[in-house]
Structures are given as structure tokens and as C-alpha cells.
Amino acid sequence: MKKVDPEFIKVIRNAKKNEKLVFFLGAGVSMAQGYPDWNGYVRHLIEYWKYNLASINDGESNQVGWVKKLDWLEQQENITNARKIDILHYLIEENSTAKIKDTDKDYLLQYEQEWFEKAVPVTKNNSILHSLVSLNGSYITTNYDLEIEKSVAGFGYDEINSLEKAKVGRFAVGNGPYVIHLHGTPKAGFESFINSAADYSNLYYKQSSSHYEGVNEFIRGKVIVFIGSSLQEDEILSNLDLKEAHAYALMKGYGDDLSNQMIEDYYKNKKNIEIIWYGDTYDELPTYLSRVVDEVIVQYRRNSRMEEGILE
């Protein structure tokens, strides 16, 4: 595990003090609690609909070849996961009764509503989130689950400004932390949920500038810390304006100093992101974060007492 950088501690402490701290959380944070990765999510989604079509068809499930069709879809390695979801939605709609077709499309999120909202994850407590909530920051995430909200609420906040994709850019006035879901949540409904190829195309090729205006306004002048993200989501990074923010990313090392230096230089010079190396394996991240938070809290309290002493 790497030593905690004292300058990084100072930056986080000052951002906490000035209420300008934002954490960008990727899939790794949710996977730490047992939520599936992208491949696992799509596989579970297809498996769910193999045997639950009857739940939206008045109990009728005698669709000819239904399971065989979804078996075929699941096995196709040359079709992207996002495109598989497009095809799955098409097949569900084509094999649904007229009654369900006349409603909105929220029924297509039946699996997501059960899994990301109601299901209890394998690990109830998320050690990463448990560390972060004491820093009183806000959050931006592409994750669909509501574990951030649960952790923040568990810390004692009465007000949480949870914003899905449809609400981004229309920030409510309030004292609670913001949790911005860039790709929506099942709770917000089908129109705000981004998971299929068509959704990504619509968001990142047709609406990206307008969608990210509010996000970029929100992060301007703030300290952004990327956690649990490999920084490989080019659509997101290309739309985030980090020139007027101070961005950092916690990343595990590549095994040698030369590789680490190349990655560090690339993100600093091309993406305006400074890399903070926390260790060589992802398992070291929770412990490293815990140490960072402990040191920030100690310095924050020490400085607060000093300021109070000066004021007295």
C-alpha cells in the first residue's frame, strides 16, 4: 500500500472545509458490495426475462421459442452488451400483450427495480462509502443502485438531493449532499434510465452538451475525486469540463514506475486529472481510503480548534 500523500490530504481537507468536495464513483464501488459488473448485469437481465415474461402478460407465457431466443441472445459474443439490451427490449415489446403495450415503458425495468432498489446486496455495508460519508461531500455516479443514498442517510442527513438523469441541471436548493446519477435510476423510470445502445447514442451523440451543462456547472471550482472507476469511459470524460475543477483519481499501480509515470503524465496533460496511487491491488483501496479520511478528519479538527482559538 502506498503512503498517503500529505498534499492530497491538505487538498481534501480544504475542499471539505469550503464545501467543495465531490466524489465520482464508478462500478468498482458497487461491485465491492456484490452488485454485478456490466457483463454480469446483462447476463442476469436476460436470464430474468427468460422466465418472467408471464408477469407482464396476464400470466400467459406460451410464447413459441421464447427461451430459445433469449438463449441465443445471451450467447452472442459479437453483440455488445448495450445492443443486447436493445434487442431484449424489442423482443419483450413484440411479445407483450396489447394491454401492457398501451402503458409507459417502465415495465421494461422490472428486473432493475427489483435488483437495484429492493434486493439486499451480498455485503450490506460498503466500506468505501462508510469512509467517504464523514467528509460531507457530494457524489456523481454512473451506478444504478441507491447505496450512496443509503450510506449518506445512515450518517444522519435529513435531506439528500438525489438527482437522476432527467433532473440533472435543475439543482434543488437545500443543505443536504447531492447525489447525481448520470445514467438515471430505475426509480426515475424508463425515460431517464440509460442502459441500451440506443440510450447511449441518444445521450452522448444527441443530448450530451445539454445534459452535461448542469453537471459542469456543478463541478466548476470544486475538487473531484474519481474512485472505483478505471477512467475508461471516454464518453463521460470527453463531456466533463475539468479545466475549472481540480480533479484527482485513486488508481492501483501498473506494476512498474515507467508504466505508472506514463499513465500519470497522460491523465494530467490530456484529461486534467492527477493520479493518486493507492497500491497494487483493488483490495487495498478501502484501507487506503480509511487512512486518508482519518488524516483529513484529524487535520480538519485541529485547524478548526486553532481558528477558534484565534477568534477567542
Protein backbone atom coordinates (compact mmCIF):
# COMPACT_ATOMS: atom_id res chain seq x y z
CA MET A 1 0.00 0.00 0.00
CA LYS A 2 1.26 3.47 -0.90
CA LYS A 3 1.90 6.18 1.68
CA VAL A 4 -0.78 8.81 1.96
CA ASP A 5 0.28 11.99 0.14
CA PRO A 6 0.19 14.91 2.64
CA GLU A 7 -0.57 17.40 -0.13
CA PHE A 8 -3.59 15.34 -1.18
CA ILE A 9 -4.78 15.33 2.44
CA LYS A 10 -4.48 19.10 2.52
CA VAL A 11 -6.50 19.47 -0.69
CA ILE A 12 -9.29 17.23 0.61
CA ARG A 13 -9.32 18.99 3.99
CA ASN A 14 -9.69 22.41 2.39
CA ALA A 15 -12.38 21.15 -0.01
CA LYS A 16 -14.31 19.72 2.95
CA LYS A 17 -13.99 23.00 4.83
CA ASN A 18 -15.22 25.03 1.86
CA GLU A 19 -17.96 22.51 0.93
CA LYS A 20 -16.40 21.93 -2.50
CA LEU A 21 -15.74 18.20 -2.36
CA VAL A 22 -17.27 15.84 -4.96
CA PHE A 23 -16.66 12.11 -5.37
CA PHE A 24 -17.14 10.47 -8.77
CA LEU A 25 -17.92 6.83 -8.04
CA GLY A 26 -17.65 4.10 -10.65
CA ALA A 27 -18.78 0.49 -10.86
CA GLY A 28 -16.00 -0.77 -8.60
CA VAL A 29 -17.67 0.82 -5.58
CA SER A 30 -20.92 -1.09 -6.15
CA MET A 31 -19.13 -4.31 -7.08
CA ALA A 32 -17.49 -4.23 -3.63
CA GLN A 33 -20.97 -4.97 -2.22
CA GLY A 34 -21.75 -7.80 -4.62
CA TYR A 35 -23.53 -5.90 -7.38
CA PRO A 36 -22.66 -7.40 -10.79
CA ASP A 37 -20.30 -5.84 -13.29
CA TRP A 38 -21.63 -4.84 -16.72
CA ASN A 39 -21.32 -8.37 -18.12
CA GLY A 40 -22.98 -9.89 -15.09
CA TYR A 41 -25.82 -7.38 -15.14
CA VAL A 42 -26.72 -8.10 -18.78
CA ARG A 43 -26.46 -11.85 -18.26
CA HIS A 44 -28.75 -11.71 -15.20
CA LEU A 45 -31.14 -9.39 -17.05
CA ILE A 46 -31.59 -11.83 -19.94
CA GLU A 47 -31.94 -14.78 -17.55
CA TYR A 48 -34.64 -12.92 -15.64
CA TRP A 49 -36.76 -12.29 -18.74
CA LYS A 50 -36.49 -15.88 -19.91
CA TYR A 51 -38.82 -16.88 -17.08
CA ASN A 52 -40.73 -13.71 -16.22
CA LEU A 53 -42.48 -12.71 -19.44
CA ALA A 54 -45.72 -14.05 -17.96
CA SER A 55 -45.56 -11.43 -15.19
CA ILE A 56 -46.48 -8.71 -17.71
CA ASN A 57 -48.72 -10.83 -19.93
CA ASP A 58 -51.63 -11.62 -17.62
CA GLY A 59 -49.95 -14.88 -16.60
CA GLU A 60 -49.59 -16.16 -20.16
CA SER A 61 -46.13 -17.44 -21.02
CA ASN A 62 -46.70 -19.70 -24.02
CA GLN A 63 -44.61 -17.64 -26.40
CA VAL A 64 -43.19 -20.00 -29.01
CA GLY A 65 -39.42 -20.35 -28.75
CA TRP A 66 -39.10 -17.55 -26.17
CA VAL A 67 -36.41 -19.17 -24.02
CA LYS A 68 -34.57 -20.36 -27.12
CA LYS A 69 -34.45 -16.79 -28.48
CA LEU A 70 -33.01 -15.41 -25.25
CA ASP A 71 -30.55 -18.29 -25.01
CA TRP A 72 -29.30 -17.31 -28.45
CA LEU A 73 -29.06 -13.62 -27.47
CA GLU A 74 -27.14 -14.37 -24.30
CA GLN A 75 -24.55 -16.46 -26.15
CA GLN A 76 -23.71 -13.91 -28.85
CA GLU A 77 -20.15 -12.71 -28.22
CA ASN A 78 -20.13 -10.42 -31.27
CA ILE A 79 -23.04 -8.31 -29.98
CA THR A 80 -22.23 -5.65 -27.40
CA ASN A 81 -23.97 -5.69 -24.05
CA ALA A 82 -25.74 -2.40 -24.77
CA ARG A 83 -27.03 -3.73 -28.10
CA LYS A 84 -28.19 -6.94 -26.41
CA ILE A 85 -30.38 -4.79 -24.17
CA ASP A 86 -31.85 -3.05 -27.23
CA ILE A 87 -32.69 -6.42 -28.78
CA LEU A 88 -34.07 -7.72 -25.48
CA HIS A 89 -36.38 -4.71 -25.11
CA TYR A 90 -37.54 -5.19 -28.70
CA LEU A 91 -38.33 -8.85 -28.10
CA ILE A 92 -40.21 -8.12 -24.88
CA GLU A 93 -42.31 -5.44 -26.55
CA GLU A 94 -43.03 -7.66 -29.56
CA ASN A 95 -44.12 -10.50 -27.29
CA SER A 96 -46.17 -8.40 -24.88
CA THR A 97 -49.93 -8.18 -24.78
CA ALA A 98 -51.71 -5.11 -26.16
CA LYS A 99 -52.68 -4.15 -22.62
CA ILE A 100 -49.10 -3.71 -21.42
CA LYS A 101 -48.06 -2.00 -24.66
CA ASP A 102 -50.58 0.75 -24.01
CA THR A 103 -48.79 1.75 -20.79
CA ASP A 104 -45.49 3.57 -20.41
CA LYS A 105 -42.31 1.52 -20.78
CA ASP A 106 -41.43 1.31 -17.09
CA TYR A 107 -42.34 -2.39 -17.19
CA LEU A 108 -39.10 -2.93 -19.10
CA LEU A 109 -37.25 -2.00 -15.89
CA GLN A 110 -38.95 -4.69 -13.83
CA TYR A 111 -35.70 -6.56 -13.19
CA GLU A 112 -33.75 -3.37 -12.41
CA GLN A 113 -36.40 -2.17 -9.97
CA GLU A 114 -36.23 -5.47 -8.10
CA TRP A 115 -32.45 -5.78 -8.15
CA PHE A 116 -31.14 -2.22 -7.67
CA GLU A 117 -33.89 -0.91 -5.39
CA LYS A 118 -35.29 -3.80 -3.37
CA ALA A 119 -32.65 -6.52 -3.24
CA VAL A 120 -30.25 -6.66 -0.29
CA PRO A 121 -26.65 -6.76 -1.59
CA VAL A 122 -24.26 -9.54 -0.61
CA THR A 123 -22.41 -7.15 1.70
CA LYS A 124 -24.77 -4.79 3.50
CA ASN A 125 -22.15 -2.21 4.47
CA ASN A 126 -19.89 -0.63 1.86
CA SER A 127 -16.53 0.14 3.46
CA ILE A 128 -15.67 2.70 0.78
CA LEU A 129 -18.90 4.64 1.24
CA HIS A 130 -18.64 4.27 5.01
CA SER A 131 -15.33 6.14 4.89
CA LEU A 132 -16.45 8.83 2.46
CA VAL A 133 -19.69 9.96 4.11
CA SER A 134 -17.86 11.54 7.04
CA LEU A 135 -16.26 14.04 4.64
CA ASN A 136 -19.62 15.70 3.83
CA GLY A 137 -19.06 15.68 0.09
CA SER A 138 -21.43 15.26 -2.82
CA TYR A 139 -21.43 12.42 -5.34
CA ILE A 140 -21.63 11.82 -9.08
CA THR A 141 -22.04 8.24 -10.29
CA THR A 142 -22.95 6.09 -13.27
CA ASN A 143 -24.17 3.34 -10.92
CA TYR A 144 -27.85 2.42 -10.88
CA ASP A 145 -28.13 1.35 -7.23
CA LEU A 146 -29.02 3.62 -4.30
CA GLU A 147 -26.24 2.57 -1.93
CA ILE A 148 -24.82 6.11 -1.80
CA GLU A 149 -28.16 7.46 -0.62
CA LYS A 150 -28.43 4.69 1.97
CA SER A 151 -24.95 5.40 3.33
CA VAL A 152 -25.50 9.15 3.45
CA ALA A 153 -28.87 8.73 5.16
CA GLY A 154 -27.29 6.33 7.64
CA PHE A 155 -24.81 9.04 8.58
CA GLY A 156 -27.68 11.19 9.83
CA TYR A 157 -28.56 13.55 6.98
CA ASP A 158 -32.21 14.57 6.94
CA GLU A 159 -32.02 15.92 3.40
CA ILE A 160 -30.43 14.27 0.36
CA ASN A 161 -30.71 15.81 -3.10
CA SER A 162 -30.82 12.67 -5.26
CA LEU A 163 -30.88 13.64 -8.93
CA GLU A 164 -31.42 11.25 -11.83
CA LYS A 165 -30.52 11.91 -15.44
CA ALA A 166 -33.80 13.71 -16.12
CA LYS A 167 -33.18 16.19 -13.30
CA VAL A 168 -29.51 16.95 -13.88
CA GLY A 169 -29.05 20.67 -14.35
CA ARG A 170 -32.07 21.60 -12.25
CA PHE A 171 -30.45 21.60 -8.85
CA ALA A 172 -32.73 21.97 -5.87
CA VAL A 173 -31.86 24.40 -3.10
CA GLY A 174 -31.03 22.50 0.07
CA ASN A 175 -28.41 21.81 2.70
CA GLY A 176 -28.09 18.08 2.11
CA PRO A 177 -25.45 16.50 -0.13
CA TYR A 178 -26.13 15.97 -3.83
CA VAL A 179 -26.12 12.50 -5.40
CA ILE A 180 -26.18 12.82 -9.19
CA HIS A 181 -26.92 9.65 -11.18
CA LEU A 182 -25.63 10.39 -14.68
CA HIS A 183 -27.38 7.35 -16.15
CA GLY A 184 -30.50 7.52 -14.02
CA THR A 185 -32.00 5.02 -11.59
CA PRO A 186 -34.87 2.54 -12.02
CA LYS A 187 -36.87 4.67 -9.59
CA ALA A 188 -36.83 7.57 -12.05
CA GLY A 189 -38.43 5.50 -14.81
CA PHE A 190 -37.59 4.18 -18.26
CA GLU A 191 -37.17 7.56 -19.99
CA SER A 192 -34.37 8.55 -17.60
CA PHE A 193 -32.61 5.18 -17.48
CA ILE A 194 -29.52 4.78 -19.66
CA ASN A 195 -28.50 1.18 -20.37
CA SER A 196 -29.07 0.28 -24.03
CA ALA A 197 -27.12 1.20 -27.16
CA ALA A 198 -29.98 3.46 -28.27
CA ASP A 199 -29.92 5.22 -24.89
CA TYR A 200 -26.16 5.83 -25.04
CA SER A 201 -26.40 7.08 -28.61
CA ASN A 202 -29.20 9.48 -27.73
CA LEU A 203 -27.43 10.79 -24.65
CA TYR A 204 -23.86 11.07 -25.88
CA TYR A 205 -24.37 11.95 -29.53
CA LYS A 206 -27.56 14.00 -29.44
CA GLN A 207 -28.00 15.41 -25.93
CA SER A 208 -24.54 15.32 -24.39
CA SER A 209 -23.88 19.06 -24.39
CA SER A 210 -27.20 19.99 -22.82
CA HIS A 211 -27.14 17.08 -20.37
CA TYR A 212 -23.65 17.91 -19.13
CA GLU A 213 -24.16 21.67 -18.88
CA GLY A 214 -25.66 21.24 -15.44
CA VAL A 215 -23.01 18.73 -14.40
CA ASN A 216 -20.17 21.01 -15.48
CA GLU A 217 -21.79 23.94 -13.73
CA PHE A 218 -21.98 21.84 -10.59
CA ILE A 219 -18.29 20.76 -10.60
CA ARG A 220 -16.85 24.16 -11.54
CA GLY A 221 -14.32 25.24 -8.92
CA LYS A 222 -14.70 22.03 -6.92
CA VAL A 223 -12.34 19.19 -6.03
CA ILE A 224 -13.37 15.98 -7.87
CA VAL A 225 -12.05 12.59 -6.75
CA PHE A 226 -12.63 9.60 -9.07
CA ILE A 227 -12.96 6.33 -7.12
CA GLY A 228 -13.76 2.83 -8.33
CA SER A 229 -13.55 3.92 -11.94
CA SER A 230 -10.94 2.79 -14.46
CA LEU A 231 -11.32 6.13 -16.25
CA GLN A 232 -12.01 4.19 -19.45
CA GLU A 233 -15.46 5.71 -20.01
CA ASP A 234 -14.42 8.09 -22.75
CA GLU A 235 -17.96 9.36 -23.39
CA ILE A 236 -18.10 10.72 -19.85
CA LEU A 237 -14.58 12.12 -19.68
CA SER A 238 -14.99 13.86 -23.04
CA ASN A 239 -18.09 15.68 -21.75
CA LEU A 240 -16.79 16.61 -18.31
CA ASP A 241 -15.16 20.04 -18.25
CA LEU A 242 -12.38 19.62 -15.69
CA LYS A 243 -10.39 22.73 -16.65
CA GLU A 244 -12.02 24.81 -13.92
CA ALA A 245 -12.14 21.96 -11.40
CA HIS A 246 -9.38 20.18 -9.51
CA ALA A 247 -9.60 16.51 -10.44
CA TYR A 248 -7.87 13.52 -8.86
CA ALA A 249 -8.25 9.78 -9.42
CA LEU A 250 -7.38 7.00 -7.00
CA MET A 251 -5.81 4.25 -9.09
CA LYS A 252 -3.98 0.99 -8.47
CA GLY A 253 -0.48 0.77 -9.90
CA TYR A 254 0.56 -0.91 -13.13
CA GLY A 255 3.48 -2.78 -11.57
CA ASP A 256 6.44 -0.64 -12.58
CA ASP A 257 7.46 3.01 -12.29
CA LEU A 258 7.73 3.60 -16.05
CA SER A 259 4.15 2.48 -16.73
CA ASN A 260 2.85 4.45 -13.77
CA GLN A 261 4.64 7.58 -14.93
CA MET A 262 3.26 7.30 -18.48
CA ILE A 263 -0.30 6.92 -17.18
CA GLU A 264 0.20 9.75 -14.71
CA ASP A 265 1.52 12.11 -17.40
CA TYR A 266 -1.26 11.21 -19.84
CA TYR A 267 -4.13 11.93 -17.47
CA LYS A 268 -2.54 15.08 -16.13
CA ASN A 269 -1.72 16.58 -19.53
CA LYS A 270 -4.68 15.33 -21.58
CA LYS A 271 -7.52 14.99 -19.07
CA ASN A 272 -6.56 17.45 -16.30
CA ILE A 273 -6.67 14.61 -13.76
CA GLU A 274 -3.91 13.96 -11.21
CA ILE A 275 -3.38 10.31 -10.34
CA ILE A 276 -3.07 9.20 -6.71
CA TRP A 277 -1.61 5.69 -6.49
CA TYR A 278 -3.07 3.74 -3.58
CA GLY A 279 -1.43 0.32 -4.07
CA ASP A 280 -1.11 -2.62 -6.43
CA THR A 281 -4.47 -4.36 -5.94
CA TYR A 282 -8.05 -3.14 -5.69
CA ASP A 283 -8.34 -4.79 -2.26
CA GLU A 284 -6.03 -2.09 -0.87
CA LEU A 285 -8.41 0.76 -1.77
CA PRO A 286 -10.76 0.58 1.28
CA THR A 287 -7.85 0.61 3.74
CA TYR A 288 -6.10 3.43 1.88
CA LEU A 289 -9.31 5.48 1.81
CA SER A 290 -9.86 4.89 5.50
CA ARG A 291 -6.39 6.25 6.24
CA VAL A 292 -6.99 9.28 4.02
CA VAL A 293 -10.28 10.07 5.73
CA ASP A 294 -8.81 9.61 9.23
CA GLU A 295 -5.96 12.01 8.47
CA VAL A 296 -8.30 14.56 6.87
CA ILE A 297 -10.60 14.50 9.92
CA VAL A 298 -7.68 14.87 12.33
CA GLN A 299 -6.28 17.87 10.43
CA TYR A 300 -9.72 19.39 9.96
CA ARG A 301 -10.47 19.26 13.68
CA ARG A 302 -7.00 20.54 14.59
CA ASN A 303 -7.36 23.51 12.23
CA SER A 304 -10.88 24.22 13.49
CA ARG A 305 -9.63 24.36 17.08
CA MET A 306 -6.77 26.65 16.04
CA GLU A 307 -9.19 29.01 14.26
CA GLU A 308 -11.47 29.05 17.28
CA GLY A 309 -8.51 29.86 19.48
CA ILE A 310 -7.51 32.75 17.23
CA LEU A 311 -11.07 34.06 17.21
CA GLU A 312 -11.19 33.90 21.01
